């Protein structure tokens, strides 16, 4: 499914997705961003980020 696929209708309207699905997608996106950022930090020679600092 493409991003926003179910918001494309012939009359220009938008049918919102289920809130639980939107929450799950946002959560996965946030976790992936966090991991990529932490990995990039290590890649450029930074210190490891403590897990407690992530959730503080």
PDB file of N, CA and C in Angstrom:
ATOM      1  N   UNK A   1       0.849  -1.176   0.000  1.00  0.00           N
ATOM      2  CA  UNK A   1       0.000   0.000   0.000  1.00  0.00           C
ATOM      3  C   UNK A   1       0.893   1.237   0.000  1.00  0.00           C
ATOM      4  N   UNK A   2       0.622   2.124  -0.892  1.00  0.00           N
ATOM      5  CA  UNK A   2       1.375   3.369  -0.958  1.00  0.00           C
ATOM      6  C   UNK A   2       0.926   4.307   0.149  1.00  0.00           C
ATOM      7  N   UNK A   3       1.806   5.236   0.506  1.00  0.00           N
ATOM      8  CA  UNK A   3       1.494   6.195   1.564  1.00  0.00           C
ATOM      9  C   UNK A   3       0.269   7.013   1.162  1.00  0.00           C
ATOM     10  N   UNK A   4      -0.738   7.038   2.008  1.00  0.00           N
ATOM     11  CA  UNK A   4      -1.936   7.828   1.756  1.00  0.00           C
ATOM     12  C   UNK A   4      -2.832   7.279   0.657  1.00  0.00           C
ATOM     13  N   UNK A   5      -2.621   6.014   0.295  1.00  0.00           N
ATOM     14  CA  UNK A   5      -3.358   5.431  -0.823  1.00  0.00           C
ATOM     15  C   UNK A   5      -4.876   5.471  -0.626  1.00  0.00           C
ATOM     16  N   UNK A   6      -5.334   5.232   0.593  1.00  0.00           N
ATOM     17  CA  UNK A   6      -6.774   5.201   0.796  1.00  0.00           C
ATOM     18  C   UNK A   6      -7.362   6.598   0.975  1.00  0.00           C
ATOM     19  N   UNK A   7      -6.597   7.642   0.736  1.00  0.00           N
ATOM     20  CA  UNK A   7      -7.123   9.004   0.762  1.00  0.00           C
ATOM     21  C   UNK A   7      -7.331   9.532  -0.654  1.00  0.00           C
ATOM     22  N   UNK A   8      -7.121   8.718  -1.641  1.00  0.00           N
ATOM     23  CA  UNK A   8      -7.298   9.156  -3.026  1.00  0.00           C
ATOM     24  C   UNK A   8      -8.636   8.652  -3.534  1.00  0.00           C
ATOM     25  N   UNK A   9      -9.550   9.557  -3.692  1.00  0.00           N
ATOM     26  CA  UNK A   9     -10.861   9.203  -4.235  1.00  0.00           C
ATOM     27  C   UNK A   9     -11.125  10.074  -5.446  1.00  0.00           C
ATOM     28  N   UNK A  10     -11.981   9.618  -6.313  1.00  0.00           N
ATOM     29  CA  UNK A  10     -12.270  10.344  -7.544  1.00  0.00           C
ATOM     30  C   UNK A  10     -12.915  11.704  -7.292  1.00  0.00           C
ATOM     31  N   UNK A  11     -13.563  11.878  -6.149  1.00  0.00           N
ATOM     32  CA  UNK A  11     -14.216  13.157  -5.874  1.00  0.00           C
ATOM     33  C   UNK A  11     -13.339  14.109  -5.056  1.00  0.00           C
ATOM     34  N   UNK A  12     -12.079  13.710  -4.806  1.00  0.00           N
ATOM     35  CA  UNK A  12     -11.161  14.580  -4.085  1.00  0.00           C
ATOM     36  C   UNK A  12     -11.275  14.500  -2.581  1.00  0.00           C
ATOM     37  N   UNK A  13     -12.203  13.698  -2.071  1.00  0.00           N
ATOM     38  CA  UNK A  13     -12.368  13.562  -0.632  1.00  0.00           C
ATOM     39  C   UNK A  13     -11.331  12.626  -0.043  1.00  0.00           C
ATOM     40  N   UNK A  14     -11.352  12.501   1.247  1.00  0.00           N
ATOM     41  CA  UNK A  14     -10.395  11.637   1.930  1.00  0.00           C
ATOM     42  C   UNK A  14     -11.112  10.839   3.007  1.00  0.00           C
ATOM     43  N   UNK A  15     -10.893   9.551   3.006  1.00  0.00           N
ATOM     44  CA  UNK A  15     -11.441   8.686   4.044  1.00  0.00           C
ATOM     45  C   UNK A  15     -10.296   8.375   4.992  1.00  0.00           C
ATOM     46  N   UNK A  16     -10.378   8.841   6.247  1.00  0.00           N
ATOM     47  CA  UNK A  16      -9.267   8.597   7.174  1.00  0.00           C
ATOM     48  C   UNK A  16      -9.126   7.122   7.501  1.00  0.00           C
ATOM     49  N   UNK A  17      -7.884   6.709   7.754  1.00  0.00           N
ATOM     50  CA  UNK A  17      -7.612   5.324   8.122  1.00  0.00           C
ATOM     51  C   UNK A  17      -7.987   5.083   9.573  1.00  0.00           C
ATOM     52  N   UNK A  18      -7.994   3.836   9.945  1.00  0.00           N
ATOM     53  CA  UNK A  18      -8.292   3.447  11.320  1.00  0.00           C
ATOM     54  C   UNK A  18      -7.250   4.049  12.259  1.00  0.00           C
ATOM     55  N   UNK A  19      -7.689   4.592  13.393  1.00  0.00           N
ATOM     56  CA  UNK A  19      -6.734   5.196  14.337  1.00  0.00           C
ATOM     57  C   UNK A  19      -5.668   4.218  14.835  1.00  0.00           C
ATOM     58  N   UNK A  20      -6.050   2.955  15.065  1.00  0.00           N
ATOM     59  CA  UNK A  20      -5.079   1.975  15.551  1.00  0.00           C
ATOM     60  C   UNK A  20      -3.988   1.727  14.504  1.00  0.00           C
ATOM     61  N   UNK A  21      -4.368   1.696  13.243  1.00  0.00           N
ATOM     62  CA  UNK A  21      -3.390   1.500  12.172  1.00  0.00           C
ATOM     63  C   UNK A  21      -2.457   2.700  12.072  1.00  0.00           C
ATOM     64  N   UNK A  22      -3.020   3.889  12.177  1.00  0.00           N
ATOM     65  CA  UNK A  22      -2.197   5.101  12.123  1.00  0.00           C
ATOM     66  C   UNK A  22      -1.223   5.141  13.297  1.00  0.00           C
ATOM     67  N   UNK A  23      -1.683   4.739  14.485  1.00  0.00           N
ATOM     68  CA  UNK A  23      -0.822   4.709  15.660  1.00  0.00           C
ATOM     69  C   UNK A  23       0.310   3.701  15.472  1.00  0.00           C
ATOM     70  N   UNK A  24      -0.015   2.533  14.951  1.00  0.00           N
ATOM     71  CA  UNK A  24       1.007   1.513  14.727  1.00  0.00           C
ATOM     72  C   UNK A  24       2.042   1.993  13.712  1.00  0.00           C
ATOM     73  N   UNK A  25       1.595   2.623  12.631  1.00  0.00           N
ATOM     74  CA  UNK A  25       2.524   3.128  11.624  1.00  0.00           C
ATOM     75  C   UNK A  25       3.419   4.223  12.198  1.00  0.00           C
ATOM     76  N   UNK A  26       2.853   5.106  12.995  1.00  0.00           N
ATOM     77  CA  UNK A  26       3.634   6.185  13.605  1.00  0.00           C
ATOM     78  C   UNK A  26       4.654   5.624  14.593  1.00  0.00           C
ATOM     79  N   UNK A  27       4.269   4.597  15.339  1.00  0.00           N
ATOM     80  CA  UNK A  27       5.178   3.984  16.299  1.00  0.00           C
ATOM     81  C   UNK A  27       6.352   3.316  15.597  1.00  0.00           C
ATOM     82  N   UNK A  28       6.062   2.558  14.557  1.00  0.00           N
ATOM     83  CA  UNK A  28       7.126   1.895  13.795  1.00  0.00           C
ATOM     84  C   UNK A  28       8.055   2.941  13.179  1.00  0.00           C
ATOM     85  N   UNK A  29       7.491   3.999  12.621  1.00  0.00           N
ATOM     86  CA  UNK A  29       8.297   5.060  12.020  1.00  0.00           C
ATOM     87  C   UNK A  29       9.216   5.694  13.064  1.00  0.00           C
ATOM     88  N   UNK A  30       8.688   5.976  14.253  1.00  0.00           N
ATOM     89  CA  UNK A  30       9.487   6.608  15.303  1.00  0.00           C
ATOM     90  C   UNK A  30      10.620   5.691  15.764  1.00  0.00           C
ATOM     91  N   UNK A  31      10.339   4.409  15.915  1.00  0.00           N
ATOM     92  CA  UNK A  31      11.371   3.457  16.351  1.00  0.00           C
ATOM     93  C   UNK A  31      12.462   3.342  15.291  1.00  0.00           C
ATOM     94  N   UNK A  32      12.077   3.250  14.035  1.00  0.00           N
ATOM     95  CA  UNK A  32      13.066   3.154  12.961  1.00  0.00           C
ATOM     96  C   UNK A  32      13.927   4.415  12.922  1.00  0.00           C
ATOM     97  N   UNK A  33      13.309   5.581  13.040  1.00  0.00           N
ATOM     98  CA  UNK A  33      14.072   6.834  13.045  1.00  0.00           C
ATOM     99  C   UNK A  33      15.055   6.872  14.205  1.00  0.00           C
ATOM    100  N   UNK A  34      14.608   6.452  15.369  1.00  0.00           N
ATOM    101  CA  UNK A  34      15.463   6.449  16.545  1.00  0.00           C
ATOM    102  C   UNK A  34      16.668   5.527  16.342  1.00  0.00           C
ATOM    103  N   UNK A  35      16.427   4.328  15.818  1.00  0.00           N
ATOM    104  CA  UNK A  35      17.514   3.379  15.606  1.00  0.00           C
ATOM    105  C   UNK A  35      18.485   3.851  14.528  1.00  0.00           C
ATOM    106  N   UNK A  36      17.975   4.433  13.467  1.00  0.00           N
ATOM    107  CA  UNK A  36      18.843   4.940  12.406  1.00  0.00           C
ATOM    108  C   UNK A  36      19.698   6.095  12.918  1.00  0.00           C
ATOM    109  N   UNK A  37      19.104   6.964  13.714  1.00  0.00           N
ATOM    110  CA  UNK A  37      19.839   8.089  14.276  1.00  0.00           C
ATOM    111  C   UNK A  37      20.937   7.607  15.227  1.00  0.00           C
ATOM    112  N   UNK A  38      20.599   6.660  16.086  1.00  0.00           N
ATOM    113  CA  UNK A  38      21.599   6.123  17.019  1.00  0.00           C
ATOM    114  C   UNK A  38      22.706   5.400  16.258  1.00  0.00           C
ATOM    115  N   UNK A  39      22.344   4.657  15.225  1.00  0.00           N
ATOM    116  CA  UNK A  39      23.349   3.966  14.409  1.00  0.00           C
ATOM    117  C   UNK A  39      24.251   4.946  13.676  1.00  0.00           C
ATOM    118  N   UNK A  40      23.669   6.007  13.163  1.00  0.00           N
ATOM    119  CA  UNK A  40      24.467   7.039  12.495  1.00  0.00           C
ATOM    120  C   UNK A  40      25.413   7.714  13.464  1.00  0.00           C
ATOM    121  N   UNK A  41      24.972   7.903  14.679  1.00  0.00           N
ATOM    122  CA  UNK A  41      25.817   8.510  15.714  1.00  0.00           C
ATOM    123  C   UNK A  41      27.042   7.638  15.963  1.00  0.00           C
ATOM    124  N   UNK A  42      26.838   6.334  16.060  1.00  0.00           N
ATOM    125  CA  UNK A  42      27.962   5.415  16.243  1.00  0.00           C
ATOM    126  C   UNK A  42      28.855   5.379  15.012  1.00  0.00           C
ATOM    127  N   UNK A  43      28.250   5.434  13.840  1.00  0.00           N
ATOM    128  CA  UNK A  43      28.997   5.345  12.584  1.00  0.00           C
ATOM    129  C   UNK A  43      29.991   6.490  12.436  1.00  0.00           C
ATOM    130  N   UNK A  44      29.645   7.669  12.890  1.00  0.00           N
ATOM    131  CA  UNK A  44      30.553   8.814  12.746  1.00  0.00           C
ATOM    132  C   UNK A  44      31.506   8.948  13.931  1.00  0.00           C
ATOM    133  N   UNK A  45      31.540   7.935  14.802  1.00  0.00           N
ATOM    134  CA  UNK A  45      32.516   7.921  15.863  1.00  0.00           C
ATOM    135  C   UNK A  45      32.019   8.413  17.210  1.00  0.00           C
ATOM    136  N   UNK A  46      30.736   8.612  17.349  1.00  0.00           N
ATOM    137  CA  UNK A  46      30.183   9.051  18.634  1.00  0.00           C
ATOM    138  C   UNK A  46      30.108   7.898  19.613  1.00  0.00           C
ATOM    139  N   UNK A  47      29.924   8.238  20.858  1.00  0.00           N
ATOM    140  CA  UNK A  47      29.790   7.213  21.895  1.00  0.00           C
ATOM    141  C   UNK A  47      28.417   6.553  21.772  1.00  0.00           C
ATOM    142  N   UNK A  48      28.335   5.353  22.314  1.00  0.00           N
ATOM    143  CA  UNK A  48      27.051   4.655  22.327  1.00  0.00           C
ATOM    144  C   UNK A  48      26.051   5.446  23.158  1.00  0.00           C
ATOM    145  N   UNK A  49      24.824   5.476  22.716  1.00  0.00           N
ATOM    146  CA  UNK A  49      23.777   6.216  23.426  1.00  0.00           C
ATOM    147  C   UNK A  49      23.161   5.273  24.453  1.00  0.00           C
ATOM    148  N   UNK A  50      23.200   5.637  25.733  1.00  0.00           N
ATOM    149  CA  UNK A  50      22.591   4.759  26.743  1.00  0.00           C
ATOM    150  C   UNK A  50      21.082   4.650  26.538  1.00  0.00           C
ATOM    151  N   UNK A  51      20.544   3.471  26.768  1.00  0.00           N
ATOM    152  CA  UNK A  51      19.113   3.249  26.570  1.00  0.00           C
ATOM    153  C   UNK A  51      18.288   4.193  27.455  1.00  0.00           C
ATOM    154  N   UNK A  52      18.733   4.433  28.669  1.00  0.00           N
ATOM    155  CA  UNK A  52      18.017   5.323  29.577  1.00  0.00           C
ATOM    156  C   UNK A  52      17.914   6.737  29.041  1.00  0.00           C
ATOM    157  N   UNK A  53      18.915   7.174  28.284  1.00  0.00           N
ATOM    158  CA  UNK A  53      18.905   8.528  27.730  1.00  0.00           C
ATOM    159  C   UNK A  53      17.860   8.655  26.621  1.00  0.00           C
ATOM    160  N   UNK A  54      17.572   7.554  25.956  1.00  0.00           N
ATOM    161  CA  UNK A  54      16.598   7.580  24.862  1.00  0.00           C
ATOM    162  C   UNK A  54      15.204   7.835  25.409  1.00  0.00           C
ATOM    163  N   UNK A  55      14.885   7.246  26.545  1.00  0.00           N
ATOM    164  CA  UNK A  55      13.541   7.345  27.104  1.00  0.00           C
ATOM    165  C   UNK A  55      13.410   8.407  28.180  1.00  0.00           C
ATOM    166  N   UNK A  56      14.452   9.173  28.386  1.00  0.00           N
ATOM    167  CA  UNK A  56      14.407  10.213  29.430  1.00  0.00           C
ATOM    168  C   UNK A  56      13.728  11.464  28.920  1.00  0.00           C
TER     169      UNK A  56
END
